[in-house]
Each structure stands twice: as C-alpha cells, then as structure tokens.
Amino acid sequence: MPNSPYQHPELYELAFSWRNYKKAVDFISEAAALAGLAEIRSMVELGCGPGQYCREFARRSVVSYGVDLCPEMALYAQKLYDEEKLPGYVLEADFRRFKLEQPVDLAVCMMATFNLLLTNEDVVSHFGSVADNLTGGGIYLIELPHPRDTFRADSCTENKWEMEKDGLKLSIDWASDSVTDPIAEIDRGTVRLTTTEDGVTRIFESPEAARRLGLGHLKALIDQSGRFEIAGMYGDLDVNRLFDNTKKSWRMIVLLRKRR
C-alpha cells in the first residue's frame, strides 16, 4: 500500500522517538549480563524498522545487524548506518527465516514486534531461526505487552499519542479500532499516522494484525521449539523492575538463553 506508514520510515521513527534508546540499550546490556552474557560483541535487532536499537549498539562498537521485511525500512536504516559509518548492516528478510553472515551474541525484538508472528508455526520457526543465528549460550530479549493488555484486564499502554518535530505535527493511532478474533487470538485494526505541516494534512494508514499471546502460551511455544530456556523477566526497561502484576510492571520483557 503506497500510503502505508511502514513505507515512510522517517514518520515511523518520529512516532516512536519518545523512547530513550540510549537508556534502553543500557538496560538490554545489563539484563543480558545478569542472564550470563558478560560481553556483547555482536547483536541483531529483529523487525528493526529504522534500527534505533541496533544503531545505538553499533555506536558502542558492537557489530550490529538489523532485519526487516519492509524494503523501505531496511533501505532507510542502512542509509543511517552508512551516514554514521557504523559496524554492521541491515538485511531485508523475514524474521521467521533469516541468515546472518555469522552468529551473534545477542538478539532483540522490541516494541511488541514479536506479536506480528500470527501462528504457532510462525513462532516456532522464528525461535529456530534466531537460535541458529546465535552463538552458544547467546541471549534473545523480547519486549511484549503486559498480559493485562493481552487479556484486557487493565490497560498498560496508550494506542494514541502525538509527536512534533521541525514544524511537523504527527498524530499516531496504533490500531485503536482493533477487533479481536477470539479463535485465532488475533487483533485486526488500522495503523494510522496523520501529519500536519504548513497547513497541509496527510494520512498514512494500513491494516495491522497482531497476535494476543499470554505468558503460558509463550512458555509452551518456547518449550516446543526446544531451543531456549527462560533466563530472566522484567516489567519495564529497568533491571530493578521484575515482572509481576503491579502497576509499575507495564511490559513483559523475556530473556531467553540458547540451549547449548
């Protein structure tokens, strides 16, 4: 779709610029160390989009890769890599089945991108591919919505917000109209970015499908893959915030260790 937000990576990057990526990478590094990965020499960001995490790791002299299926996203992220002369590259590929030139120590999948894996078969295939691209004992960190969001017991996240940069106003509606198919366990809605600049308004939108995946189901799929064991869980990008059902635990961040 020519009006898809995913075909306009600069808008996507602005939409999520509220996150402090330096602090996020600090957390990832510390959490990985607590899970047994003392040194991160190489890493990959899966479903990387503009590559905010892999680029920050690369700035820290970690050989870093990005994987994204969208050609516009991959090209944009690679352009940013080239401009900063960062170590690594961005690969246009399906994160269910991908192959890096060499195994890495760490893999990350952030901002609930993991929920784009819509079937059990997708998830198991993904786990196998990630494990194949990790060094022995490598760590895979996944950021997911808290189960309170998954089961709509209480809302932990906002799906509408606004950002602004250099006179461009951006309104984001991340599938607030989604409807759940309770049999397939999939939400389907519309992602919509609305820009206003110099009095001109433009709308970019596309359909979005995301899996509703609870902790028990996730654990079962981890076991089914046979490739990982859980090495830690957090409720925020903070190693002092362990995963639980308190209000301050608003994410489900799972660290997996590759089985040797």
Protein backbone atom coordinates (compact mmCIF):
# COMPACT_ATOMS: atom_id res chain seq x y z
CA MET A 1 0.00 0.00 0.00
CA PRO A 2 1.62 3.30 -1.10
CA ASN A 3 0.11 5.14 1.88
CA SER A 4 1.32 2.59 4.43
CA PRO A 5 3.12 4.09 7.46
CA TYR A 6 5.75 1.37 7.02
CA GLN A 7 6.71 2.91 3.67
CA HIS A 8 7.53 6.18 5.41
CA PRO A 9 10.23 5.20 7.92
CA GLU A 10 11.06 8.79 8.86
CA LEU A 11 7.49 9.15 10.20
CA TYR A 12 7.69 5.80 11.96
CA GLU A 13 10.95 6.91 13.58
CA LEU A 14 9.37 10.14 14.79
CA ALA A 15 6.32 8.27 16.10
CA PHE A 16 8.49 6.26 18.49
CA SER A 17 11.04 8.96 19.31
CA TRP A 18 9.52 9.25 22.80
CA ARG A 19 11.65 6.32 23.90
CA ASN A 20 15.14 6.95 25.31
CA TYR A 21 17.13 4.48 23.19
CA LYS A 22 20.41 5.03 24.98
CA LYS A 23 18.75 4.12 28.27
CA ALA A 24 17.01 1.17 26.60
CA VAL A 25 20.32 -0.21 25.33
CA ASP A 26 21.85 0.31 28.79
CA PHE A 27 19.04 -1.86 30.17
CA ILE A 28 19.41 -4.53 27.49
CA SER A 29 23.15 -4.76 28.12
CA GLU A 30 22.71 -5.00 31.89
CA ALA A 31 19.88 -7.53 31.67
CA ALA A 32 21.90 -9.67 29.25
CA ALA A 33 24.86 -9.59 31.63
CA LEU A 34 22.64 -10.70 34.52
CA ALA A 35 21.44 -13.57 32.29
CA GLY A 36 25.05 -14.69 31.78
CA LEU A 37 26.18 -12.77 28.68
CA ALA A 38 29.16 -10.91 30.11
CA GLU A 39 30.29 -9.33 26.84
CA ILE A 40 28.24 -8.34 23.80
CA ARG A 41 30.50 -8.32 20.75
CA SER A 42 27.72 -8.63 18.18
CA MET A 43 23.92 -8.37 18.07
CA VAL A 44 20.87 -8.30 15.80
CA GLU A 45 17.62 -6.35 16.05
CA LEU A 46 14.67 -8.27 14.59
CA GLY A 47 11.86 -6.34 12.91
CA CYS A 48 14.22 -3.40 13.29
CA GLY A 49 12.33 -0.70 11.38
CA PRO A 50 14.62 2.37 11.41
CA GLY A 51 17.07 0.41 13.58
CA GLN A 52 17.05 2.53 16.72
CA TYR A 53 18.45 -0.25 18.93
CA CYS A 54 20.97 -1.83 16.56
CA ARG A 55 22.32 1.61 15.62
CA GLU A 56 22.78 2.52 19.29
CA PHE A 57 24.62 -0.75 19.92
CA ALA A 58 26.77 -0.08 16.84
CA ARG A 59 27.71 3.36 18.22
CA ARG A 60 29.14 1.43 21.18
CA SER A 61 31.46 -0.54 18.86
CA VAL A 62 29.23 -3.64 18.86
CA VAL A 63 28.94 -5.23 15.41
CA SER A 64 25.22 -4.82 14.92
CA TYR A 65 22.71 -6.03 12.35
CA GLY A 66 19.11 -5.21 11.60
CA VAL A 67 16.50 -7.46 9.98
CA ASP A 68 13.28 -6.08 8.50
CA LEU A 69 10.90 -7.38 5.83
CA CYS A 70 9.84 -3.91 4.61
CA PRO A 71 12.17 -2.70 1.80
CA GLU A 72 11.68 0.98 2.67
CA MET A 73 12.53 0.37 6.32
CA ALA A 74 15.62 -1.69 5.50
CA LEU A 75 16.91 0.88 2.99
CA TYR A 76 16.31 3.76 5.40
CA ALA A 77 18.07 2.02 8.29
CA GLN A 78 21.00 1.09 6.04
CA LYS A 79 21.25 4.73 4.90
CA LEU A 80 21.54 5.81 8.53
CA TYR A 81 24.19 3.12 9.10
CA ASP A 82 26.16 4.41 6.13
CA GLU A 83 25.92 8.04 7.22
CA GLU A 84 27.41 7.19 10.64
CA LYS A 85 29.82 4.56 9.27
CA LEU A 86 28.54 2.05 11.82
CA PRO A 87 29.79 -1.54 12.07
CA GLY A 88 27.24 -3.99 10.65
CA TYR A 89 24.42 -3.81 8.13
CA VAL A 90 20.65 -4.12 7.67
CA LEU A 91 19.19 -7.19 5.98
CA GLU A 92 15.85 -7.18 4.16
CA ALA A 93 14.42 -10.52 5.28
CA ASP A 94 11.55 -12.28 7.01
CA PHE A 95 12.43 -12.68 10.69
CA ARG A 96 10.79 -16.11 10.71
CA ARG A 97 13.59 -17.32 8.41
CA PHE A 98 16.80 -15.32 8.08
CA LYS A 99 20.54 -15.94 7.91
CA LEU A 100 23.31 -13.63 9.08
CA GLU A 101 26.84 -13.92 7.80
CA GLN A 102 27.96 -15.07 11.25
CA PRO A 103 26.28 -15.89 14.60
CA VAL A 104 25.81 -13.07 17.10
CA ASP A 105 25.83 -12.94 20.89
CA LEU A 106 22.53 -11.13 21.35
CA ALA A 107 19.20 -10.82 19.55
CA VAL A 108 16.44 -8.36 20.45
CA CYS A 109 12.85 -7.94 19.29
CA MET A 110 11.37 -4.75 20.70
CA MET A 111 8.08 -2.85 20.97
CA ALA A 112 5.83 -5.93 20.66
CA THR A 113 7.06 -6.65 17.11
CA PHE A 114 7.10 -10.31 18.18
CA ASN A 115 3.28 -10.24 18.09
CA LEU A 116 3.41 -10.00 14.29
CA LEU A 117 4.10 -13.76 14.40
CA LEU A 118 0.49 -14.80 13.93
CA THR A 119 0.61 -18.59 14.27
CA ASN A 120 2.28 -21.17 16.49
CA GLU A 121 4.19 -22.37 13.43
CA ASP A 122 5.47 -18.83 12.82
CA VAL A 123 6.72 -18.55 16.41
CA VAL A 124 8.47 -21.93 16.43
CA SER A 125 10.08 -21.23 13.05
CA HIS A 126 11.20 -17.85 14.36
CA PHE A 127 12.72 -19.35 17.51
CA GLY A 128 14.63 -21.87 15.40
CA SER A 129 15.99 -19.18 13.09
CA VAL A 130 17.01 -16.92 15.98
CA ALA A 131 18.79 -19.81 17.74
CA ASP A 132 20.61 -20.74 14.52
CA ASN A 133 21.95 -17.18 14.34
CA LEU A 134 23.10 -17.02 17.98
CA THR A 135 26.41 -18.10 19.45
CA GLY A 136 26.38 -20.85 22.09
CA GLY A 137 24.68 -19.54 25.22
CA GLY A 138 23.53 -16.43 23.32
CA ILE A 139 20.66 -14.31 24.67
CA TYR A 140 17.40 -13.36 22.99
CA LEU A 141 15.44 -10.48 24.57
CA ILE A 142 11.77 -9.99 23.64
CA GLU A 143 9.66 -6.98 24.64
CA LEU A 144 5.94 -7.78 24.78
CA PRO A 145 2.80 -6.13 26.15
CA HIS A 146 1.97 -6.99 29.74
CA PRO A 147 -0.64 -9.78 29.98
CA ARG A 148 -3.05 -7.21 31.41
CA ASP A 149 -3.15 -5.72 27.91
CA THR A 150 -3.35 -9.14 26.29
CA PHE A 151 -6.40 -10.15 28.32
CA ARG A 152 -7.76 -6.59 28.59
CA ALA A 153 -7.78 -6.88 32.36
CA ASP A 154 -6.37 -3.35 32.57
CA SER A 155 -4.72 -1.08 30.02
CA CYS A 156 -0.97 -0.59 30.43
CA THR A 157 -0.25 1.19 27.15
CA GLU A 158 -1.68 4.02 25.07
CA ASN A 159 -2.50 3.48 21.40
CA LYS A 160 -2.97 7.16 20.55
CA TRP A 161 -0.34 9.86 21.00
CA GLU A 162 1.23 12.87 19.28
CA MET A 163 4.77 13.92 18.36
CA GLU A 164 6.21 17.05 16.75
CA LYS A 165 9.49 17.91 15.02
CA ASP A 166 10.61 20.91 12.96
CA GLY A 167 7.08 22.18 12.43
CA LEU A 168 5.68 18.76 11.52
CA LYS A 169 2.87 17.57 13.79
CA LEU A 170 2.30 13.83 13.84
CA SER A 171 -0.77 12.12 15.31
CA ILE A 172 -0.47 8.37 15.84
CA ASP A 173 -3.36 5.94 16.15
CA TRP A 174 -1.95 2.44 16.56
CA ALA A 175 -4.94 0.27 15.77
CA SER A 176 -7.26 1.70 18.41
CA ASP A 177 -10.11 0.29 16.31
CA SER A 178 -8.82 -3.28 16.56
CA VAL A 179 -11.25 -6.17 16.85
CA THR A 180 -10.21 -9.50 18.33
CA ASP A 181 -10.85 -12.83 16.69
CA PRO A 182 -11.08 -15.00 19.84
CA ILE A 183 -10.50 -18.24 17.94
CA ALA A 184 -7.40 -17.14 16.04
CA GLU A 185 -6.32 -14.93 19.01
CA ILE A 186 -5.52 -12.13 16.57
CA ASP A 187 -6.33 -8.42 16.75
CA ARG A 188 -7.04 -6.71 13.42
CA GLY A 189 -7.23 -2.95 13.10
CA THR A 190 -5.75 0.04 11.29
CA VAL A 191 -2.47 1.81 11.98
CA ARG A 192 -2.88 5.46 11.05
CA LEU A 193 -0.34 8.30 11.01
CA THR A 194 -1.68 11.81 10.35
CA THR A 195 0.75 14.61 9.51
CA THR A 196 0.09 18.34 9.54
CA GLU A 197 2.69 20.70 8.09
CA ASP A 198 2.29 24.18 6.60
CA GLY A 199 -1.48 23.77 6.82
CA VAL A 200 -1.47 20.56 4.79
CA THR A 201 -2.79 17.33 6.32
CA ARG A 202 -1.86 13.88 5.03
CA ILE A 203 -2.95 10.45 6.23
CA PHE A 204 -0.92 7.25 6.02
CA GLU A 205 -2.62 4.04 7.06
CA SER A 206 -2.53 0.28 6.68
CA PRO A 207 -4.20 -2.79 8.19
CA GLU A 208 -2.45 -4.37 11.14
CA ALA A 209 -2.76 -7.87 12.58
CA ALA A 210 -1.20 -8.79 15.92
CA ARG A 211 -1.26 -11.96 17.99
CA ARG A 212 -2.59 -12.00 21.54
CA LEU A 213 -0.01 -14.13 23.31
CA GLY A 214 -0.15 -14.82 27.03
CA LEU A 215 2.73 -15.96 29.21
CA GLY A 216 1.56 -19.56 29.49
CA HIS A 217 1.16 -19.89 25.73
CA LEU A 218 4.56 -18.26 25.17
CA LYS A 219 6.23 -20.68 27.58
CA ALA A 220 4.62 -23.62 25.78
CA LEU A 221 5.97 -22.41 22.42
CA ILE A 222 9.44 -21.89 23.91
CA ASP A 223 9.35 -25.47 25.16
CA GLN A 224 8.02 -26.72 21.83
CA SER A 225 10.91 -25.11 19.97
CA GLY A 226 13.42 -26.85 22.24
CA ARG A 227 15.98 -24.12 21.54
CA PHE A 228 15.73 -21.76 24.53
CA GLU A 229 15.24 -21.55 28.27
CA ILE A 230 13.95 -18.51 30.18
CA ALA A 231 16.84 -16.62 31.79
CA GLY A 232 15.01 -13.60 33.22
CA MET A 233 11.84 -11.49 33.11
CA TYR A 234 11.27 -7.77 33.68
CA GLY A 235 8.25 -5.48 33.83
CA ASP A 236 9.99 -2.40 32.41
CA LEU A 237 13.29 -1.38 30.83
CA ASP A 238 14.82 -1.48 34.29
CA VAL A 239 16.65 -4.40 35.89
CA ASN A 240 15.20 -3.37 39.26
CA ARG A 241 11.64 -3.80 37.96
CA LEU A 242 10.99 -7.53 37.92
CA PHE A 243 7.97 -8.82 36.03
CA ASP A 244 4.85 -9.06 38.19
CA ASN A 245 1.26 -7.80 38.25
CA THR A 246 1.87 -4.43 39.90
CA LYS A 247 1.06 -1.18 38.09
CA LYS A 248 4.74 -0.32 37.62
CA SER A 249 5.24 -3.58 35.73
CA TRP A 250 3.73 -2.46 32.40
CA ARG A 251 5.66 -4.65 29.93
CA MET A 252 6.58 -8.32 29.70
CA ILE A 253 10.26 -8.46 28.83
CA VAL A 254 11.53 -12.01 28.46
CA LEU A 255 15.19 -13.02 28.24
CA LEU A 256 15.83 -16.37 26.62
CA ARG A 257 19.14 -18.24 26.73
CA LYS A 258 20.04 -20.51 23.85
CA ARG A 259 20.36 -24.12 24.92
CA ARG A 260 23.85 -25.47 24.33
